[in-house]
Amino acid sequence: MRLASSTIIEDIRTSQKLGLASLAFFYCDFRDDQKKDLRGLLTSMLVQLGDQSNAYSTILSDFCVTHGHGSQHAGDDELLECLKSMLRLSGQPTVHIIIDAIDECPTMTGLPSPREEVLKLVEQLVNLRVSNLRICVTSRPEADIISVLGRLAFRSFSLHGENGQIQDIAEYINFQVRTDYKMRAWRTADKELVTDVLTKRANGM
């Protein structure tokens, strides 16, 4: 859920400003080829962390030199090892990795599918047992995702059925209906119907 993840990010950025945390955020989006698979996630994480620490930047710079500054293709496994090197580095502030909307990763292409690869990455990062690493993953409650994350999660929260969550969605939809240039001319009954139907179909998202 975007609202929940946005709140988490705001809290972490407060710690970031104090030099107490690093943050790498990745929003999965099936419409964007750079945001729906493992490679896109890994490259994004490396660049974000490299920008937040001189030590991380050195690791990333050495990695780039080893691969000819992009002239030599780096495989996903190599990118992952570079990320692990950063996360294992001692003396760094708490690292927060947020992967938002993992359900947006496709399941119908490739063996393993992009979603399976991203879920495997999450499992590998958890199994690193790095004391200053915090991982947050958000998703719709789909069976394959629950199967993997359910055995990894220290804490999990379901927002779908929460009254506050549903109310926030209803208020957002109602605001859009009331302020949209074309919808403002609709009858009150039609506006209420649209708000009610979209709120129910949102399914907590």
N, C-alpha and C. Protein backbone atom coordinates (compact mmCIF):
# COMPACT_ATOMS: atom_id res chain seq x y z
N MET A 1 0.83 -1.18 0.00
CA MET A 1 0.00 0.00 0.00
C MET A 1 0.88 1.25 0.00
N ARG A 2 0.69 2.15 -0.95
CA ARG A 2 1.57 3.28 -1.12
C ARG A 2 1.56 4.22 0.08
N LEU A 3 0.36 4.45 0.71
CA LEU A 3 0.28 5.36 1.84
C LEU A 3 1.15 4.87 2.99
N ALA A 4 1.07 3.57 3.28
CA ALA A 4 1.85 3.01 4.37
C ALA A 4 3.34 3.11 4.09
N SER A 5 3.75 2.75 2.88
CA SER A 5 5.16 2.79 2.55
C SER A 5 5.69 4.22 2.56
N SER A 6 4.86 5.19 2.16
CA SER A 6 5.28 6.59 2.18
C SER A 6 5.56 7.06 3.60
N THR A 7 4.72 6.64 4.55
CA THR A 7 4.92 7.01 5.95
C THR A 7 6.22 6.42 6.48
N ILE A 8 6.47 5.16 6.15
CA ILE A 8 7.71 4.50 6.58
C ILE A 8 8.92 5.25 6.05
N ILE A 9 8.88 5.62 4.77
CA ILE A 9 10.00 6.32 4.14
C ILE A 9 10.24 7.67 4.80
N GLU A 10 9.17 8.39 5.10
CA GLU A 10 9.33 9.69 5.75
C GLU A 10 10.03 9.55 7.10
N ASP A 11 9.67 8.52 7.86
CA ASP A 11 10.30 8.29 9.17
C ASP A 11 11.79 7.98 9.01
N ILE A 12 12.11 7.15 8.03
CA ILE A 12 13.51 6.77 7.82
C ILE A 12 14.32 7.98 7.35
N ARG A 13 13.74 8.82 6.52
CA ARG A 13 14.48 9.98 6.01
C ARG A 13 14.82 10.97 7.12
N THR A 14 14.00 10.97 8.17
CA THR A 14 14.34 11.80 9.33
C THR A 14 15.64 11.30 9.95
N SER A 15 15.78 9.97 10.08
CA SER A 15 17.02 9.39 10.61
C SER A 15 18.18 9.60 9.65
N GLN A 16 17.86 9.58 8.35
CA GLN A 16 18.89 9.81 7.33
C GLN A 16 19.55 11.17 7.51
N LYS A 17 18.74 12.18 7.74
CA LYS A 17 19.25 13.54 7.88
C LYS A 17 20.18 13.67 9.08
N LEU A 18 19.98 12.79 10.06
CA LEU A 18 20.82 12.81 11.26
C LEU A 18 22.04 11.90 11.11
N GLY A 19 22.17 11.28 9.94
CA GLY A 19 23.30 10.37 9.70
C GLY A 19 23.16 9.03 10.39
N LEU A 20 21.92 8.67 10.76
CA LEU A 20 21.69 7.44 11.50
C LEU A 20 21.16 6.30 10.62
N ALA A 21 20.95 6.56 9.35
CA ALA A 21 20.35 5.52 8.50
C ALA A 21 20.69 5.77 7.04
N SER A 22 20.68 4.68 6.28
CA SER A 22 20.73 4.72 4.82
C SER A 22 19.44 4.10 4.31
N LEU A 23 18.98 4.54 3.16
CA LEU A 23 17.71 4.06 2.62
C LEU A 23 17.85 3.73 1.15
N ALA A 24 17.38 2.55 0.78
CA ALA A 24 17.28 2.17 -0.63
C ALA A 24 15.84 1.73 -0.87
N PHE A 25 15.15 2.46 -1.73
CA PHE A 25 13.73 2.23 -1.98
C PHE A 25 13.52 1.83 -3.44
N PHE A 26 12.70 0.80 -3.64
CA PHE A 26 12.40 0.36 -5.00
C PHE A 26 10.91 0.09 -5.12
N TYR A 27 10.25 0.81 -6.03
CA TYR A 27 8.83 0.58 -6.29
C TYR A 27 8.68 -0.25 -7.54
N CYS A 28 8.18 -1.47 -7.40
CA CYS A 28 7.98 -2.36 -8.54
C CYS A 28 6.81 -1.84 -9.39
N ASP A 29 6.99 -1.87 -10.70
CA ASP A 29 5.95 -1.37 -11.62
C ASP A 29 6.00 -2.21 -12.89
N PHE A 30 4.97 -3.01 -13.12
CA PHE A 30 4.97 -3.92 -14.28
C PHE A 30 4.96 -3.17 -15.61
N ARG A 31 4.62 -1.87 -15.59
CA ARG A 31 4.57 -1.07 -16.82
C ARG A 31 5.94 -0.54 -17.23
N ASP A 32 6.91 -0.63 -16.33
CA ASP A 32 8.24 -0.07 -16.58
C ASP A 32 9.27 -1.20 -16.57
N ASP A 33 9.93 -1.41 -17.70
CA ASP A 33 10.88 -2.52 -17.80
C ASP A 33 12.03 -2.41 -16.79
N GLN A 34 12.34 -1.20 -16.33
CA GLN A 34 13.42 -1.01 -15.38
C GLN A 34 12.98 -1.22 -13.93
N LYS A 35 11.68 -1.44 -13.73
CA LYS A 35 11.17 -1.51 -12.36
C LYS A 35 10.34 -2.76 -12.08
N LYS A 36 10.58 -3.81 -12.84
CA LYS A 36 9.76 -5.00 -12.64
C LYS A 36 10.55 -6.29 -12.54
N ASP A 37 11.88 -6.19 -12.42
CA ASP A 37 12.65 -7.43 -12.33
C ASP A 37 13.86 -7.26 -11.41
N LEU A 38 14.57 -8.35 -11.23
CA LEU A 38 15.70 -8.38 -10.31
C LEU A 38 16.80 -7.43 -10.71
N ARG A 39 17.14 -7.37 -11.97
CA ARG A 39 18.25 -6.52 -12.41
C ARG A 39 17.97 -5.04 -12.13
N GLY A 40 16.74 -4.64 -12.44
CA GLY A 40 16.37 -3.25 -12.17
C GLY A 40 16.46 -2.94 -10.69
N LEU A 41 16.03 -3.88 -9.86
CA LEU A 41 16.07 -3.68 -8.41
C LEU A 41 17.50 -3.58 -7.91
N LEU A 42 18.35 -4.50 -8.34
CA LEU A 42 19.74 -4.52 -7.86
C LEU A 42 20.50 -3.25 -8.27
N THR A 43 20.37 -2.85 -9.53
CA THR A 43 21.09 -1.66 -9.98
C THR A 43 20.60 -0.42 -9.23
N SER A 44 19.31 -0.34 -8.99
CA SER A 44 18.75 0.79 -8.25
C SER A 44 19.30 0.83 -6.82
N MET A 45 19.31 -0.32 -6.15
CA MET A 45 19.81 -0.39 -4.78
C MET A 45 21.29 0.02 -4.71
N LEU A 46 22.08 -0.47 -5.64
CA LEU A 46 23.51 -0.16 -5.64
C LEU A 46 23.76 1.34 -5.81
N VAL A 47 23.06 1.94 -6.75
CA VAL A 47 23.24 3.37 -7.01
C VAL A 47 22.79 4.20 -5.82
N GLN A 48 21.64 3.85 -5.25
CA GLN A 48 21.12 4.61 -4.11
C GLN A 48 22.06 4.54 -2.90
N LEU A 49 22.51 3.33 -2.56
CA LEU A 49 23.40 3.20 -1.41
C LEU A 49 24.77 3.83 -1.69
N GLY A 50 25.23 3.70 -2.92
CA GLY A 50 26.51 4.30 -3.28
C GLY A 50 26.53 5.80 -3.12
N ASP A 51 25.37 6.43 -3.26
CA ASP A 51 25.26 7.88 -3.12
C ASP A 51 25.22 8.34 -1.66
N GLN A 52 25.06 7.38 -0.72
CA GLN A 52 24.82 7.77 0.67
C GLN A 52 26.00 7.50 1.61
N SER A 53 27.04 6.89 1.09
CA SER A 53 28.17 6.54 1.95
C SER A 53 29.45 6.48 1.13
N ASN A 54 30.50 7.10 1.64
CA ASN A 54 31.79 7.04 0.94
C ASN A 54 32.29 5.60 0.83
N ALA A 55 32.04 4.81 1.89
CA ALA A 55 32.50 3.43 1.88
C ALA A 55 31.74 2.62 0.82
N TYR A 56 30.42 2.85 0.73
CA TYR A 56 29.62 2.16 -0.28
C TYR A 56 30.03 2.62 -1.68
N SER A 57 30.31 3.91 -1.79
CA SER A 57 30.71 4.47 -3.08
C SER A 57 32.02 3.84 -3.57
N THR A 58 32.93 3.59 -2.65
CA THR A 58 34.21 2.96 -3.01
C THR A 58 33.99 1.55 -3.54
N ILE A 59 33.12 0.80 -2.87
CA ILE A 59 32.81 -0.56 -3.32
C ILE A 59 32.20 -0.54 -4.71
N LEU A 60 31.26 0.40 -4.93
CA LEU A 60 30.61 0.49 -6.24
C LEU A 60 31.59 0.94 -7.31
N SER A 61 32.48 1.87 -6.96
CA SER A 61 33.48 2.35 -7.91
C SER A 61 34.43 1.24 -8.32
N ASP A 62 34.88 0.44 -7.35
CA ASP A 62 35.76 -0.69 -7.65
C ASP A 62 35.06 -1.70 -8.56
N PHE A 63 33.77 -1.90 -8.29
CA PHE A 63 32.98 -2.83 -9.10
C PHE A 63 32.91 -2.33 -10.55
N CYS A 64 32.69 -1.04 -10.71
CA CYS A 64 32.60 -0.47 -12.05
C CYS A 64 33.91 -0.57 -12.80
N VAL A 65 35.01 -0.34 -12.09
CA VAL A 65 36.33 -0.46 -12.70
C VAL A 65 36.57 -1.89 -13.16
N THR A 66 36.22 -2.85 -12.31
CA THR A 66 36.38 -4.26 -12.65
C THR A 66 35.63 -4.63 -13.93
N HIS A 67 34.52 -3.96 -14.16
CA HIS A 67 33.69 -4.26 -15.33
C HIS A 67 33.81 -3.19 -16.42
N GLY A 68 34.98 -2.56 -16.45
CA GLY A 68 35.28 -1.64 -17.55
C GLY A 68 34.34 -0.46 -17.64
N HIS A 69 33.86 0.02 -16.50
CA HIS A 69 32.95 1.17 -16.48
C HIS A 69 31.75 0.97 -17.41
N GLY A 70 31.23 -0.25 -17.38
CA GLY A 70 30.03 -0.55 -18.16
C GLY A 70 30.28 -1.23 -19.48
N SER A 71 31.53 -1.29 -19.90
CA SER A 71 31.83 -1.92 -21.19
C SER A 71 31.76 -3.44 -21.11
N GLN A 72 31.89 -3.98 -19.89
CA GLN A 72 31.79 -5.43 -19.69
C GLN A 72 30.51 -5.73 -18.89
N HIS A 73 29.70 -6.58 -19.44
CA HIS A 73 28.41 -6.86 -18.82
C HIS A 73 28.58 -7.56 -17.47
N ALA A 74 27.89 -7.02 -16.47
CA ALA A 74 27.88 -7.64 -15.14
C ALA A 74 26.59 -8.44 -14.98
N GLY A 75 26.71 -9.70 -14.60
CA GLY A 75 25.54 -10.54 -14.42
C GLY A 75 24.81 -10.19 -13.13
N ASP A 76 23.59 -10.68 -13.02
CA ASP A 76 22.79 -10.42 -11.82
C ASP A 76 23.48 -10.95 -10.56
N ASP A 77 24.13 -12.11 -10.68
CA ASP A 77 24.83 -12.67 -9.52
C ASP A 77 25.96 -11.76 -9.06
N GLU A 78 26.64 -11.13 -10.01
CA GLU A 78 27.73 -10.21 -9.67
C GLU A 78 27.19 -8.95 -9.01
N LEU A 79 26.07 -8.46 -9.53
CA LEU A 79 25.44 -7.29 -8.91
C LEU A 79 25.02 -7.60 -7.48
N LEU A 80 24.48 -8.80 -7.30
CA LEU A 80 24.05 -9.20 -5.96
C LEU A 80 25.24 -9.28 -5.01
N GLU A 81 26.35 -9.83 -5.45
CA GLU A 81 27.53 -9.92 -4.59
C GLU A 81 28.05 -8.54 -4.22
N CYS A 82 27.95 -7.60 -5.13
CA CYS A 82 28.36 -6.24 -4.83
C CYS A 82 27.47 -5.64 -3.74
N LEU A 83 26.16 -5.88 -3.86
CA LEU A 83 25.22 -5.41 -2.84
C LEU A 83 25.52 -6.05 -1.48
N LYS A 84 25.78 -7.34 -1.49
CA LYS A 84 26.10 -8.03 -0.25
C LYS A 84 27.37 -7.46 0.39
N SER A 85 28.35 -7.10 -0.44
CA SER A 85 29.59 -6.52 0.09
C SER A 85 29.30 -5.21 0.82
N MET A 86 28.40 -4.42 0.26
CA MET A 86 28.01 -3.18 0.91
C MET A 86 27.33 -3.46 2.25
N LEU A 87 26.38 -4.38 2.24
CA LEU A 87 25.58 -4.65 3.44
C LEU A 87 26.40 -5.28 4.55
N ARG A 88 27.44 -6.02 4.19
CA ARG A 88 28.28 -6.67 5.21
C ARG A 88 29.33 -5.72 5.79
N LEU A 89 29.47 -4.56 5.21
CA LEU A 89 30.49 -3.62 5.64
C LEU A 89 30.20 -3.14 7.06
N SER A 90 31.17 -3.23 7.92
CA SER A 90 30.99 -2.85 9.32
C SER A 90 31.11 -1.33 9.49
N GLY A 91 30.57 -0.85 10.59
CA GLY A 91 30.70 0.55 10.93
C GLY A 91 29.77 1.49 10.20
N GLN A 92 28.77 0.94 9.50
CA GLN A 92 27.82 1.76 8.76
C GLN A 92 26.52 1.93 9.55
N PRO A 93 25.79 3.03 9.31
CA PRO A 93 24.49 3.20 9.98
C PRO A 93 23.49 2.16 9.50
N THR A 94 22.38 2.07 10.18
CA THR A 94 21.34 1.10 9.82
C THR A 94 20.90 1.30 8.37
N VAL A 95 20.83 0.20 7.63
CA VAL A 95 20.42 0.23 6.24
C VAL A 95 18.97 -0.24 6.14
N HIS A 96 18.14 0.58 5.53
CA HIS A 96 16.73 0.23 5.32
C HIS A 96 16.51 -0.04 3.84
N ILE A 97 16.07 -1.25 3.52
CA ILE A 97 15.72 -1.61 2.15
C ILE A 97 14.21 -1.77 2.09
N ILE A 98 13.57 -1.00 1.21
CA ILE A 98 12.11 -1.08 1.05
C ILE A 98 11.80 -1.48 -0.37
N ILE A 99 11.08 -2.57 -0.52
CA ILE A 99 10.62 -3.03 -1.83
C ILE A 99 9.10 -2.93 -1.82
N ASP A 100 8.59 -1.99 -2.57
CA ASP A 100 7.17 -1.67 -2.55
C ASP A 100 6.46 -2.32 -3.72
N ALA A 101 5.29 -2.92 -3.42
CA ALA A 101 4.41 -3.50 -4.45
C ALA A 101 5.09 -4.65 -5.20
N ILE A 102 5.62 -5.60 -4.47
CA ILE A 102 6.33 -6.71 -5.10
C ILE A 102 5.40 -7.55 -5.98
N ASP A 103 4.09 -7.45 -5.74
CA ASP A 103 3.12 -8.15 -6.57
C ASP A 103 3.08 -7.62 -8.00
N GLU A 104 3.69 -6.44 -8.24
CA GLU A 104 3.74 -5.88 -9.59
C GLU A 104 4.76 -6.60 -10.47
N CYS A 105 5.65 -7.37 -9.88
CA CYS A 105 6.61 -8.13 -10.67
C CYS A 105 5.88 -9.25 -11.40
N PRO A 106 6.12 -9.43 -12.70
CA PRO A 106 5.39 -10.43 -13.49
C PRO A 106 5.67 -11.87 -13.05
N THR A 107 4.69 -12.72 -13.27
CA THR A 107 4.81 -14.15 -12.96
C THR A 107 4.73 -15.01 -14.22
N MET A 108 4.40 -14.41 -15.35
CA MET A 108 4.11 -15.19 -16.54
C MET A 108 5.27 -15.26 -17.53
N THR A 109 6.37 -14.58 -17.24
CA THR A 109 7.50 -14.58 -18.18
C THR A 109 8.76 -15.10 -17.50
N GLY A 110 9.48 -15.96 -18.22
CA GLY A 110 10.77 -16.43 -17.73
C GLY A 110 10.67 -17.56 -16.72
N LEU A 111 11.72 -18.35 -16.66
CA LEU A 111 11.86 -19.43 -15.68
C LEU A 111 13.24 -19.32 -15.05
N PRO A 112 13.35 -18.86 -13.81
CA PRO A 112 12.24 -18.43 -12.95
C PRO A 112 11.67 -17.09 -13.40
N SER A 113 10.47 -16.79 -12.94
CA SER A 113 9.82 -15.54 -13.31
C SER A 113 10.48 -14.37 -12.58
N PRO A 114 10.29 -13.14 -13.08
CA PRO A 114 10.84 -11.97 -12.38
C PRO A 114 10.42 -11.91 -10.91
N ARG A 115 9.18 -12.27 -10.62
CA ARG A 115 8.74 -12.23 -9.22
C ARG A 115 9.46 -13.25 -8.38
N GLU A 116 9.66 -14.44 -8.91
CA GLU A 116 10.39 -15.49 -8.18
C GLU A 116 11.81 -15.04 -7.88
N GLU A 117 12.44 -14.36 -8.83
CA GLU A 117 13.82 -13.90 -8.62
C GLU A 117 13.89 -12.83 -7.54
N VAL A 118 12.91 -11.92 -7.53
CA VAL A 118 12.90 -10.87 -6.52
C VAL A 118 12.61 -11.46 -5.14
N LEU A 119 11.70 -12.41 -5.07
CA LEU A 119 11.42 -13.07 -3.79
C LEU A 119 12.64 -13.83 -3.28
N LYS A 120 13.37 -14.45 -4.19
CA LYS A 120 14.59 -15.16 -3.80
C LYS A 120 15.62 -14.17 -3.26
N LEU A 121 15.69 -12.99 -3.87
CA LEU A 121 16.60 -11.96 -3.38
C LEU A 121 16.25 -11.57 -1.95
N VAL A 122 14.98 -11.35 -1.69
CA VAL A 122 14.55 -10.98 -0.34
C VAL A 122 14.99 -12.06 0.65
N GLU A 123 14.78 -13.31 0.26
CA GLU A 123 15.17 -14.43 1.13
C GLU A 123 16.68 -14.43 1.39
N GLN A 124 17.46 -14.16 0.35
CA GLN A 124 18.92 -14.13 0.51
C GLN A 124 19.36 -12.99 1.43
N LEU A 125 18.73 -11.84 1.28
CA LEU A 125 19.10 -10.70 2.12
C LEU A 125 18.76 -10.95 3.58
N VAL A 126 17.60 -11.56 3.82
CA VAL A 126 17.22 -11.90 5.19
C VAL A 126 18.23 -12.88 5.78
N ASN A 127 18.64 -13.85 4.99
CA ASN A 127 19.55 -14.89 5.47
C ASN A 127 20.99 -14.40 5.67
N LEU A 128 21.28 -13.18 5.24
CA LEU A 128 22.60 -12.61 5.52
C LEU A 128 22.81 -12.41 7.01
N ARG A 129 21.70 -12.20 7.72
CA ARG A 129 21.75 -11.98 9.18
C ARG A 129 22.64 -10.78 9.53
N VAL A 130 22.53 -9.73 8.74
CA VAL A 130 23.29 -8.52 9.02
C VAL A 130 22.53 -7.72 10.08
N SER A 131 23.21 -7.40 11.17
CA SER A 131 22.52 -6.82 12.33
C SER A 131 21.95 -5.43 12.08
N ASN A 132 22.56 -4.67 11.18
CA ASN A 132 22.07 -3.30 10.94
C ASN A 132 21.22 -3.19 9.68
N LEU A 133 20.72 -4.32 9.19
CA LEU A 133 19.88 -4.32 7.98
C LEU A 133 18.42 -4.48 8.35
N ARG A 134 17.58 -3.60 7.81
CA ARG A 134 16.13 -3.67 8.00
C ARG A 134 15.48 -3.77 6.63
N ILE A 135 14.59 -4.74 6.47
CA ILE A 135 13.94 -4.96 5.17
C ILE A 135 12.43 -4.83 5.34
N CYS A 136 11.82 -4.04 4.48
CA CYS A 136 10.37 -3.88 4.47
C CYS A 136 9.86 -4.18 3.07
N VAL A 137 8.90 -5.10 2.96
CA VAL A 137 8.31 -5.46 1.68
C VAL A 137 6.81 -5.27 1.76
N THR A 138 6.25 -4.59 0.75
CA THR A 138 4.80 -4.43 0.71
C THR A 138 4.26 -5.14 -0.53
N SER A 139 3.03 -5.64 -0.41
CA SER A 139 2.44 -6.41 -1.51
C SER A 139 0.97 -6.68 -1.25
N ARG A 140 0.26 -6.96 -2.32
CA ARG A 140 -1.05 -7.56 -2.16
C ARG A 140 -0.84 -8.99 -1.64
N PRO A 141 -1.81 -9.53 -0.91
CA PRO A 141 -1.63 -10.87 -0.30
C PRO A 141 -1.85 -12.00 -1.30
N GLU A 142 -0.91 -12.15 -2.25
CA GLU A 142 -1.03 -13.22 -3.25
C GLU A 142 -0.32 -14.47 -2.73
N ALA A 143 -0.83 -15.61 -3.11
CA ALA A 143 -0.43 -16.89 -2.51
C ALA A 143 1.08 -17.15 -2.59
N ASP A 144 1.69 -16.92 -3.76
CA ASP A 144 3.11 -17.23 -3.91
C ASP A 144 3.98 -16.30 -3.06
N ILE A 145 3.52 -15.07 -2.90
CA ILE A 145 4.27 -14.11 -2.10
C ILE A 145 4.13 -14.43 -0.61
N ILE A 146 2.92 -14.75 -0.19
CA ILE A 146 2.69 -15.13 1.21
C ILE A 146 3.52 -16.36 1.57
N SER A 147 3.63 -17.31 0.63
CA SER A 147 4.37 -18.54 0.88
C SER A 147 5.83 -18.26 1.22
N VAL A 148 6.44 -17.31 0.52
CA VAL A 148 7.85 -16.98 0.77
C VAL A 148 8.01 -16.05 1.96
N LEU A 149 7.28 -14.95 1.95
CA LEU A 149 7.46 -13.94 2.99
C LEU A 149 6.94 -14.41 4.34
N GLY A 150 5.95 -15.30 4.32
CA GLY A 150 5.38 -15.77 5.58
C GLY A 150 6.39 -16.45 6.48
N ARG A 151 7.35 -17.15 5.89
CA ARG A 151 8.34 -17.85 6.71
C ARG A 151 9.55 -16.97 7.03
N LEU A 152 9.60 -15.78 6.43
CA LEU A 152 10.73 -14.88 6.67
C LEU A 152 10.39 -13.74 7.60
N ALA A 153 9.13 -13.35 7.62
CA ALA A 153 8.75 -12.11 8.29
C ALA A 153 8.87 -12.21 9.81
N PHE A 154 9.52 -11.21 10.38
CA PHE A 154 9.55 -11.08 11.82
C PHE A 154 8.24 -10.44 12.29
N ARG A 155 7.78 -9.47 11.53
CA ARG A 155 6.50 -8.86 11.78
C ARG A 155 5.78 -8.64 10.46
N SER A 156 4.49 -8.88 10.43
CA SER A 156 3.71 -8.62 9.23
C SER A 156 2.41 -7.94 9.63
N PHE A 157 1.95 -7.06 8.74
CA PHE A 157 0.72 -6.31 8.99
C PHE A 157 -0.16 -6.38 7.76
N SER A 158 -1.44 -6.65 7.97
CA SER A 158 -2.41 -6.64 6.89
C SER A 158 -3.27 -5.40 7.01
N LEU A 159 -3.26 -4.57 5.97
CA LEU A 159 -4.01 -3.31 5.99
C LEU A 159 -5.34 -3.41 5.26
N HIS A 160 -5.56 -4.51 4.55
CA HIS A 160 -6.70 -4.59 3.65
C HIS A 160 -8.05 -4.42 4.35
N GLY A 161 -8.19 -5.01 5.53
CA GLY A 161 -9.49 -4.95 6.17
C GLY A 161 -9.60 -3.91 7.26
N GLU A 162 -8.57 -3.09 7.46
CA GLU A 162 -8.59 -2.09 8.52
C GLU A 162 -9.54 -0.95 8.17
N ASN A 163 -10.36 -0.55 9.13
CA ASN A 163 -11.32 0.51 8.89
C ASN A 163 -10.64 1.81 8.50
N GLY A 164 -9.53 2.14 9.16
CA GLY A 164 -8.82 3.36 8.84
C GLY A 164 -8.31 3.37 7.41
N GLN A 165 -7.81 2.21 6.97
CA GLN A 165 -7.32 2.09 5.61
C GLN A 165 -8.44 2.30 4.60
N ILE A 166 -9.56 1.64 4.83
CA ILE A 166 -10.71 1.76 3.93
C ILE A 166 -11.23 3.19 3.90
N GLN A 167 -11.25 3.83 5.07
CA GLN A 167 -11.73 5.21 5.14
C GLN A 167 -10.81 6.15 4.38
N ASP A 168 -9.50 5.94 4.49
CA ASP A 168 -8.54 6.78 3.76
C ASP A 168 -8.75 6.67 2.25
N ILE A 169 -8.98 5.44 1.79
CA ILE A 169 -9.20 5.22 0.37
C ILE A 169 -10.48 5.91 -0.08
N ALA A 170 -11.54 5.78 0.73
CA ALA A 170 -12.83 6.40 0.40
C ALA A 170 -12.69 7.92 0.33
N GLU A 171 -11.96 8.50 1.27
CA GLU A 171 -11.78 9.95 1.29
C GLU A 171 -10.97 10.42 0.07
N TYR A 172 -9.97 9.64 -0.30
CA TYR A 172 -9.17 10.00 -1.47
C TYR A 172 -10.02 9.97 -2.75
N ILE A 173 -10.78 8.91 -2.91
CA ILE A 173 -11.64 8.79 -4.10
C ILE A 173 -12.68 9.90 -4.11
N ASN A 174 -13.28 10.16 -2.96
CA ASN A 174 -14.30 11.21 -2.86
C ASN A 174 -13.72 12.58 -3.23
N PHE A 175 -12.50 12.84 -2.79
CA PHE A 175 -11.84 14.11 -3.12
C PHE A 175 -11.64 14.22 -4.63
N GLN A 176 -11.18 13.14 -5.26
CA GLN A 176 -10.95 13.16 -6.70
C GLN A 176 -12.25 13.38 -7.47
N VAL A 177 -13.31 12.74 -7.00
CA VAL A 177 -14.61 12.89 -7.67
C VAL A 177 -15.12 14.33 -7.53
N ARG A 178 -14.94 14.92 -6.35
CA ARG A 178 -15.46 16.27 -6.10
C ARG A 178 -14.67 17.36 -6.82
N THR A 179 -13.37 17.10 -7.05
CA THR A 179 -12.53 18.16 -7.62
C THR A 179 -12.24 17.99 -9.11
N ASP A 180 -12.52 16.82 -9.66
CA ASP A 180 -12.30 16.61 -11.09
C ASP A 180 -13.22 17.53 -11.91
N TYR A 181 -12.65 18.17 -12.91
CA TYR A 181 -13.40 19.18 -13.69
C TYR A 181 -14.68 18.61 -14.29
N LYS A 182 -14.61 17.43 -14.87
CA LYS A 182 -15.78 16.84 -15.51
C LYS A 182 -16.76 16.26 -14.50
N MET A 183 -16.23 15.63 -13.44
CA MET A 183 -17.09 14.96 -12.47
C MET A 183 -17.89 15.93 -11.60
N ARG A 184 -17.40 17.16 -11.48
CA ARG A 184 -18.11 18.13 -10.64
C ARG A 184 -19.54 18.37 -11.11
N ALA A 185 -19.79 18.14 -12.39
CA ALA A 185 -21.13 18.37 -12.94
C ALA A 185 -22.06 17.18 -12.75
N TRP A 186 -21.54 16.07 -12.24
CA TRP A 186 -22.37 14.88 -12.04
C TRP A 186 -23.37 15.11 -10.91
N ARG A 187 -24.44 14.30 -10.94
CA ARG A 187 -25.40 14.32 -9.84
C ARG A 187 -24.76 13.76 -8.58
N THR A 188 -25.23 14.22 -7.42
CA THR A 188 -24.69 13.76 -6.14
C THR A 188 -24.80 12.25 -6.01
N ALA A 189 -25.94 11.70 -6.45
CA ALA A 189 -26.14 10.25 -6.34
C ALA A 189 -25.11 9.48 -7.17
N ASP A 190 -24.75 10.02 -8.35
CA ASP A 190 -23.76 9.37 -9.21
C ASP A 190 -22.37 9.42 -8.58
N LYS A 191 -22.04 10.56 -7.97
CA LYS A 191 -20.75 10.70 -7.30
C LYS A 191 -20.62 9.70 -6.15
N GLU A 192 -21.71 9.58 -5.38
CA GLU A 192 -21.70 8.65 -4.24
C GLU A 192 -21.57 7.21 -4.71
N LEU A 193 -22.23 6.89 -5.84
CA LEU A 193 -22.15 5.52 -6.38
C LEU A 193 -20.72 5.20 -6.83
N VAL A 194 -20.08 6.14 -7.53
CA VAL A 194 -18.71 5.93 -8.00
C VAL A 194 -17.76 5.74 -6.82
N THR A 195 -17.90 6.58 -5.80
CA THR A 195 -17.05 6.47 -4.62
C THR A 195 -17.24 5.13 -3.93
N ASP A 196 -18.48 4.69 -3.80
CA ASP A 196 -18.77 3.43 -3.12
C ASP A 196 -18.21 2.24 -3.89
N VAL A 197 -18.42 2.21 -5.21
CA VAL A 197 -17.97 1.08 -6.03
C VAL A 197 -16.45 1.01 -6.06
N LEU A 198 -15.77 2.17 -6.29
CA LEU A 198 -14.30 2.16 -6.37
C LEU A 198 -13.66 1.81 -5.03
N THR A 199 -14.28 2.24 -3.94
CA THR A 199 -13.75 1.91 -2.61
C THR A 199 -13.80 0.41 -2.38
N LYS A 200 -14.92 -0.22 -2.74
CA LYS A 200 -15.05 -1.66 -2.55
C LYS A 200 -14.09 -2.43 -3.45
N ARG A 201 -13.94 -1.96 -4.69
CA ARG A 201 -13.09 -2.67 -5.65
C ARG A 201 -11.59 -2.45 -5.37
N ALA A 202 -11.29 -1.41 -4.60
CA ALA A 202 -9.88 -1.15 -4.26
C ALA A 202 -9.30 -2.26 -3.40
N ASN A 203 -10.17 -2.97 -2.67
CA ASN A 203 -9.73 -4.11 -1.85
C ASN A 203 -8.59 -3.75 -0.89
N GLY A 204 -8.74 -2.55 -0.29
CA GLY A 204 -7.74 -2.16 0.69
C GLY A 204 -6.46 -1.60 0.11
N MET A 205 -6.38 -1.45 -1.21
CA MET A 205 -5.15 -0.97 -1.84
C MET A 205 -5.38 0.44 -2.38
